[in-house]
N, C-alpha and C. Protein backbone atom coordinates (compact mmCIF):
# COMPACT_ATOMS: atom_id res chain seq x y z
N MET A 1 123.45 -69.35 39.60
CA MET A 1 123.51 -70.03 40.88
C MET A 1 122.45 -71.13 40.96
N ARG A 2 121.25 -70.82 40.48
CA ARG A 2 120.16 -71.78 40.55
C ARG A 2 120.46 -73.00 39.67
N LYS A 3 121.01 -72.76 38.48
CA LYS A 3 121.36 -73.87 37.59
C LYS A 3 122.46 -74.73 38.20
N THR A 4 123.40 -74.09 38.83
CA THR A 4 124.51 -74.81 39.47
C THR A 4 123.98 -75.70 40.59
N LEU A 5 123.09 -75.17 41.40
CA LEU A 5 122.51 -75.93 42.50
C LEU A 5 121.70 -77.12 41.98
N LEU A 6 120.89 -76.90 40.97
CA LEU A 6 120.08 -77.97 40.38
C LEU A 6 120.98 -79.05 39.79
N THR A 7 122.01 -78.66 39.09
CA THR A 7 122.96 -79.62 38.52
C THR A 7 123.63 -80.43 39.62
N PHE A 8 124.04 -79.78 40.68
CA PHE A 8 124.69 -80.45 41.81
C PHE A 8 123.75 -81.47 42.45
N ILE A 9 122.50 -81.12 42.64
CA ILE A 9 121.51 -82.03 43.23
C ILE A 9 121.29 -83.24 42.34
N LEU A 10 121.18 -83.03 41.04
CA LEU A 10 120.99 -84.15 40.12
C LEU A 10 122.19 -85.09 40.11
N ILE A 11 123.37 -84.53 40.18
CA ILE A 11 124.57 -85.36 40.20
C ILE A 11 124.61 -86.20 41.47
N LEU A 12 124.32 -85.60 42.61
CA LEU A 12 124.35 -86.35 43.87
C LEU A 12 123.27 -87.42 43.92
N SER A 13 122.09 -87.14 43.42
CA SER A 13 121.02 -88.14 43.47
C SER A 13 121.30 -89.30 42.54
N GLY A 14 122.06 -89.08 41.50
CA GLY A 14 122.37 -90.15 40.56
C GLY A 14 123.60 -90.95 40.93
N CYS A 15 124.39 -90.49 41.89
CA CYS A 15 125.63 -91.18 42.24
C CYS A 15 125.39 -92.61 42.68
N SER A 16 124.36 -92.83 43.48
CA SER A 16 124.14 -94.18 44.00
C SER A 16 123.70 -95.15 42.91
N ASN A 17 123.26 -94.65 41.76
CA ASN A 17 122.90 -95.54 40.67
C ASN A 17 124.11 -96.26 40.10
N TRP A 18 125.29 -95.76 40.32
CA TRP A 18 126.49 -96.38 39.79
C TRP A 18 127.01 -97.47 40.70
N ILE A 19 126.53 -97.54 41.91
CA ILE A 19 127.03 -98.50 42.88
C ILE A 19 126.02 -99.63 43.00
N ASP A 20 126.32 -100.77 42.39
CA ASP A 20 125.41 -101.91 42.42
C ASP A 20 125.79 -102.95 43.46
N GLY A 21 127.02 -102.93 43.93
CA GLY A 21 127.48 -104.00 44.78
C GLY A 21 127.68 -105.24 43.93
N ASN A 22 127.25 -106.38 44.41
CA ASN A 22 127.38 -107.62 43.68
C ASN A 22 126.41 -107.63 42.50
N ASN A 23 126.90 -107.90 41.30
CA ASN A 23 126.07 -107.82 40.10
C ASN A 23 124.91 -108.80 40.09
N ILE A 24 125.12 -110.03 40.54
CA ILE A 24 124.04 -111.02 40.55
C ILE A 24 122.97 -110.59 41.55
N LEU A 25 123.38 -110.17 42.74
CA LEU A 25 122.41 -109.77 43.76
C LEU A 25 121.72 -108.46 43.40
N ALA A 26 122.35 -107.63 42.59
CA ALA A 26 121.76 -106.35 42.20
C ALA A 26 120.83 -106.49 41.00
N ASP A 27 120.83 -107.64 40.35
CA ASP A 27 119.99 -107.86 39.17
C ASP A 27 118.56 -108.15 39.61
N LYS A 28 117.65 -107.25 39.32
CA LYS A 28 116.25 -107.39 39.74
C LYS A 28 115.54 -108.53 39.01
N ASN A 29 116.10 -108.98 37.89
CA ASN A 29 115.49 -110.06 37.11
C ASN A 29 115.83 -111.45 37.65
N ILE A 30 116.80 -111.53 38.55
CA ILE A 30 117.17 -112.80 39.17
C ILE A 30 116.46 -112.91 40.51
N THR A 31 115.68 -113.99 40.68
CA THR A 31 114.89 -114.16 41.90
C THR A 31 115.73 -114.79 43.02
N GLU A 32 115.21 -114.72 44.23
CA GLU A 32 115.87 -115.35 45.37
C GLU A 32 115.95 -116.86 45.17
N GLN A 33 114.90 -117.45 44.56
CA GLN A 33 114.90 -118.89 44.30
C GLN A 33 116.03 -119.28 43.35
N GLN A 34 116.28 -118.45 42.34
CA GLN A 34 117.37 -118.73 41.41
C GLN A 34 118.73 -118.63 42.10
N ILE A 35 118.87 -117.66 42.98
CA ILE A 35 120.13 -117.51 43.72
C ILE A 35 120.31 -118.69 44.67
N ASN A 36 119.25 -119.06 45.41
CA ASN A 36 119.33 -120.18 46.35
C ASN A 36 119.65 -121.49 45.65
N ALA A 37 119.19 -121.65 44.41
CA ALA A 37 119.44 -122.89 43.66
C ALA A 37 120.93 -123.07 43.34
N LYS A 38 121.70 -122.01 43.37
CA LYS A 38 123.14 -122.08 43.07
C LYS A 38 123.97 -122.58 44.25
N ILE A 39 123.36 -122.61 45.45
CA ILE A 39 124.09 -122.98 46.66
C ILE A 39 123.37 -124.14 47.34
N GLU A 40 124.10 -125.23 47.59
CA GLU A 40 123.53 -126.37 48.28
C GLU A 40 124.25 -126.55 49.62
N ASN A 41 123.49 -126.44 50.71
CA ASN A 41 124.08 -126.59 52.04
C ASN A 41 124.75 -127.95 52.19
N HIS A 42 125.87 -127.99 52.89
CA HIS A 42 126.66 -129.19 53.18
C HIS A 42 127.30 -129.80 51.93
N LYS A 43 127.28 -129.06 50.81
CA LYS A 43 127.89 -129.57 49.59
C LYS A 43 128.73 -128.50 48.88
N THR A 44 128.17 -127.30 48.71
CA THR A 44 128.86 -126.21 48.02
C THR A 44 129.96 -125.66 48.91
N SER A 45 131.09 -125.30 48.31
CA SER A 45 132.20 -124.74 49.09
C SER A 45 132.18 -123.21 49.00
N ILE A 46 132.87 -122.57 49.94
CA ILE A 46 132.97 -121.11 49.92
C ILE A 46 133.73 -120.66 48.68
N SER A 47 134.64 -121.47 48.18
CA SER A 47 135.36 -121.13 46.95
C SER A 47 134.40 -121.07 45.76
N GLU A 48 133.44 -122.00 45.73
CA GLU A 48 132.44 -122.00 44.65
C GLU A 48 131.53 -120.77 44.76
N VAL A 49 131.16 -120.41 45.99
CA VAL A 49 130.33 -119.22 46.19
C VAL A 49 131.10 -117.97 45.75
N ASN A 50 132.38 -117.90 46.11
CA ASN A 50 133.20 -116.76 45.68
C ASN A 50 133.32 -116.71 44.16
N ALA A 51 133.38 -117.88 43.51
CA ALA A 51 133.45 -117.91 42.05
C ALA A 51 132.14 -117.39 41.44
N LEU A 52 131.02 -117.69 42.08
CA LEU A 52 129.71 -117.24 41.58
C LEU A 52 129.45 -115.76 41.86
N PHE A 53 129.73 -115.35 43.10
CA PHE A 53 129.35 -114.01 43.54
C PHE A 53 130.54 -113.06 43.66
N GLY A 54 131.72 -113.56 43.40
CA GLY A 54 132.91 -112.72 43.47
C GLY A 54 133.48 -112.68 44.87
N ASP A 55 134.79 -112.75 44.94
CA ASP A 55 135.46 -112.66 46.23
C ASP A 55 135.67 -111.18 46.51
N LYS A 56 134.84 -110.62 47.36
CA LYS A 56 134.82 -109.17 47.59
C LYS A 56 135.68 -108.75 48.77
N LYS A 57 136.62 -109.56 49.16
CA LYS A 57 137.43 -109.20 50.33
C LYS A 57 138.21 -107.92 50.12
N GLN A 58 138.51 -107.59 48.87
CA GLN A 58 139.24 -106.35 48.60
C GLN A 58 138.33 -105.13 48.70
N GLU A 59 137.02 -105.32 48.57
CA GLU A 59 136.06 -104.22 48.63
C GLU A 59 135.31 -104.31 49.94
N GLY A 60 135.89 -103.78 50.99
CA GLY A 60 135.39 -103.94 52.35
C GLY A 60 133.93 -103.64 52.57
N ARG A 61 133.32 -102.75 51.79
CA ARG A 61 131.93 -102.43 52.07
C ARG A 61 130.97 -103.45 51.51
N ASN A 62 131.45 -104.40 50.69
CA ASN A 62 130.57 -105.38 50.09
C ASN A 62 130.60 -106.73 50.77
N ILE A 63 131.50 -106.93 51.69
CA ILE A 63 131.57 -108.23 52.35
C ILE A 63 131.85 -108.05 53.84
N VAL A 64 131.20 -108.86 54.62
CA VAL A 64 131.46 -108.88 56.05
C VAL A 64 131.83 -110.32 56.38
N LYS A 65 132.95 -110.52 57.00
CA LYS A 65 133.38 -111.86 57.37
C LYS A 65 133.59 -111.89 58.87
N LYS A 66 132.91 -112.83 59.53
CA LYS A 66 133.04 -112.96 60.97
C LYS A 66 133.31 -114.41 61.30
N SER A 67 134.13 -114.63 62.30
CA SER A 67 134.42 -115.99 62.76
C SER A 67 133.86 -116.17 64.16
N PHE A 68 133.38 -117.37 64.43
CA PHE A 68 132.94 -117.68 65.77
C PHE A 68 134.18 -117.88 66.65
N PRO A 69 134.06 -117.67 67.96
CA PRO A 69 135.23 -117.71 68.84
C PRO A 69 136.06 -118.99 68.74
N ASP A 70 135.40 -120.14 68.54
CA ASP A 70 136.17 -121.38 68.49
C ASP A 70 136.79 -121.63 67.11
N GLY A 71 136.50 -120.77 66.14
CA GLY A 71 137.09 -120.88 64.82
C GLY A 71 136.50 -121.95 63.93
N ARG A 72 135.41 -122.59 64.38
CA ARG A 72 134.83 -123.68 63.58
C ARG A 72 133.92 -123.18 62.47
N TYR A 73 133.32 -122.00 62.65
CA TYR A 73 132.37 -121.49 61.67
C TYR A 73 132.69 -120.05 61.31
N ASN A 74 132.37 -119.68 60.10
CA ASN A 74 132.53 -118.31 59.61
C ASN A 74 131.24 -117.88 58.93
N VAL A 75 130.96 -116.59 58.97
CA VAL A 75 129.80 -116.03 58.28
C VAL A 75 130.30 -114.93 57.35
N THR A 76 129.86 -114.99 56.11
CA THR A 76 130.23 -114.01 55.10
C THR A 76 128.97 -113.49 54.46
N SER A 77 128.97 -112.23 54.05
CA SER A 77 127.80 -111.69 53.35
C SER A 77 128.23 -111.01 52.06
N TYR A 78 127.35 -111.09 51.08
CA TYR A 78 127.53 -110.44 49.78
C TYR A 78 126.32 -109.53 49.59
N GLN A 79 126.53 -108.31 49.14
CA GLN A 79 125.44 -107.34 49.06
C GLN A 79 125.29 -106.76 47.66
N GLY A 80 124.03 -106.68 47.22
CA GLY A 80 123.70 -106.02 45.97
C GLY A 80 122.73 -104.89 46.25
N HIS A 81 122.77 -103.85 45.43
CA HIS A 81 121.92 -102.67 45.63
C HIS A 81 120.92 -102.55 44.49
N PHE A 82 119.66 -102.34 44.84
CA PHE A 82 118.65 -102.05 43.83
C PHE A 82 118.58 -100.55 43.68
N ASN A 83 118.77 -100.07 42.46
CA ASN A 83 118.81 -98.64 42.18
C ASN A 83 117.79 -98.26 41.13
N ASP A 84 117.36 -97.02 41.19
CA ASP A 84 116.58 -96.41 40.11
C ASP A 84 116.96 -94.94 40.06
N LEU A 85 116.18 -94.13 39.37
CA LEU A 85 116.54 -92.72 39.22
C LEU A 85 116.59 -91.98 40.55
N GLY A 86 115.87 -92.47 41.54
CA GLY A 86 115.87 -91.84 42.86
C GLY A 86 117.03 -92.28 43.74
N GLY A 87 117.84 -93.20 43.25
CA GLY A 87 118.97 -93.70 44.02
C GLY A 87 118.74 -95.13 44.48
N THR A 88 119.52 -95.56 45.45
CA THR A 88 119.40 -96.91 45.98
C THR A 88 118.15 -96.98 46.84
N TYR A 89 117.29 -97.97 46.56
CA TYR A 89 116.06 -98.09 47.35
C TYR A 89 115.99 -99.41 48.12
N ALA A 90 116.92 -100.33 47.87
CA ALA A 90 116.91 -101.59 48.61
C ALA A 90 118.27 -102.26 48.51
N HIS A 91 118.55 -103.10 49.50
CA HIS A 91 119.75 -103.95 49.50
C HIS A 91 119.28 -105.39 49.54
N ARG A 92 119.90 -106.23 48.71
CA ARG A 92 119.67 -107.68 48.79
C ARG A 92 120.98 -108.28 49.27
N VAL A 93 120.92 -108.99 50.40
CA VAL A 93 122.13 -109.50 51.03
C VAL A 93 122.06 -111.02 51.12
N LEU A 94 123.12 -111.67 50.67
CA LEU A 94 123.27 -113.11 50.79
C LEU A 94 124.19 -113.38 51.97
N PHE A 95 123.68 -114.09 52.98
CA PHE A 95 124.48 -114.49 54.14
C PHE A 95 124.87 -115.95 53.97
N VAL A 96 126.14 -116.25 54.16
CA VAL A 96 126.65 -117.60 53.98
C VAL A 96 127.45 -117.99 55.22
N ALA A 97 127.06 -119.10 55.85
CA ALA A 97 127.82 -119.65 56.98
C ALA A 97 128.54 -120.90 56.50
N TYR A 98 129.84 -120.98 56.82
CA TYR A 98 130.60 -122.15 56.38
C TYR A 98 131.53 -122.62 57.49
N ASP A 99 131.92 -123.89 57.39
CA ASP A 99 132.75 -124.48 58.45
C ASP A 99 134.23 -124.29 58.17
N LYS A 100 135.07 -124.85 59.05
CA LYS A 100 136.52 -124.66 58.94
C LYS A 100 137.10 -125.29 57.67
N ASP A 101 136.36 -126.22 57.06
CA ASP A 101 136.80 -126.84 55.81
C ASP A 101 136.33 -126.07 54.59
N GLY A 102 135.57 -124.99 54.81
CA GLY A 102 135.09 -124.17 53.70
C GLY A 102 133.82 -124.67 53.05
N VAL A 103 133.09 -125.56 53.72
CA VAL A 103 131.83 -126.09 53.18
C VAL A 103 130.67 -125.29 53.75
N ILE A 104 129.75 -124.89 52.88
CA ILE A 104 128.58 -124.10 53.30
C ILE A 104 127.70 -124.95 54.20
N ILE A 105 127.37 -124.43 55.39
CA ILE A 105 126.46 -125.15 56.28
C ILE A 105 125.06 -124.54 56.26
N ASN A 106 124.97 -123.27 55.90
CA ASN A 106 123.66 -122.61 55.82
C ASN A 106 123.81 -121.31 55.05
N HIS A 107 122.73 -120.89 54.41
CA HIS A 107 122.74 -119.60 53.71
C HIS A 107 121.32 -119.04 53.68
N ASP A 108 121.21 -117.73 53.53
CA ASP A 108 119.91 -117.08 53.47
C ASP A 108 120.05 -115.75 52.74
N ILE A 109 118.94 -115.27 52.21
CA ILE A 109 118.92 -113.99 51.51
C ILE A 109 117.93 -113.08 52.23
N ALA A 110 118.35 -111.84 52.45
CA ALA A 110 117.48 -110.84 53.07
C ALA A 110 117.42 -109.62 52.17
N ILE A 111 116.23 -109.03 52.09
CA ILE A 111 116.07 -107.79 51.32
C ILE A 111 115.62 -106.70 52.27
N ASN A 112 116.33 -105.59 52.26
CA ASN A 112 115.97 -104.43 53.06
C ASN A 112 115.52 -103.34 52.09
N ASN A 113 114.19 -103.19 51.96
CA ASN A 113 113.62 -102.21 51.05
C ASN A 113 113.29 -100.96 51.86
N PHE A 114 113.98 -99.87 51.56
CA PHE A 114 113.82 -98.63 52.32
C PHE A 114 112.48 -97.94 52.07
N ARG A 115 111.81 -98.31 51.00
CA ARG A 115 110.54 -97.67 50.66
C ARG A 115 109.34 -98.34 51.31
N GLU A 116 109.54 -99.54 51.84
CA GLU A 116 108.44 -100.25 52.49
C GLU A 116 108.59 -100.18 54.00
N LYS A 117 107.46 -100.11 54.68
CA LYS A 117 107.50 -100.11 56.15
C LYS A 117 107.72 -101.53 56.64
N ASN A 118 108.53 -101.66 57.70
CA ASN A 118 108.72 -102.97 58.29
C ASN A 118 107.57 -103.26 59.26
N LYS A 119 107.55 -104.45 59.86
CA LYS A 119 106.45 -104.85 60.74
C LYS A 119 106.31 -103.91 61.92
N PHE A 120 107.41 -103.45 62.49
CA PHE A 120 107.36 -102.54 63.63
C PHE A 120 106.73 -101.21 63.23
N GLU A 121 107.14 -100.67 62.08
CA GLU A 121 106.60 -99.38 61.63
C GLU A 121 105.11 -99.49 61.32
N LYS A 122 104.66 -100.62 60.80
CA LYS A 122 103.25 -100.81 60.49
C LYS A 122 102.40 -100.87 61.76
N LYS A 123 102.93 -101.44 62.84
CA LYS A 123 102.19 -101.58 64.10
C LYS A 123 102.06 -100.27 64.85
N THR A 124 103.02 -99.38 64.70
CA THR A 124 103.02 -98.15 65.50
C THR A 124 102.12 -97.07 64.93
N ARG A 125 101.55 -97.28 63.81
CA ARG A 125 100.68 -96.25 63.23
C ARG A 125 99.26 -96.66 63.19
């Protein structure tokens, strides 16, 4: 029973290591500056971004697409997961805003590291 429980725990803790999300965003060796250099606001198209980062519309958990009420702008996100033996410890998310013609108007990268305290958590202690 004890061996079975230990094996089950190890399997569950390792499951998240198989889920990287977007490969470029999940690569710890690629910096935010290198990712940002691939996208030029007011010039790069959403088709080019999809070619670089993959069109994840079929994988609902990796992309969020929202349209503004007037239909002139859309926001899409691509997510990569940083993993180690303890499981997923951070998400790197690329947010891309584009216009009705499919041209990128703005983009940004955010990292949510679960092991680090955010500004609010640091102030409360």
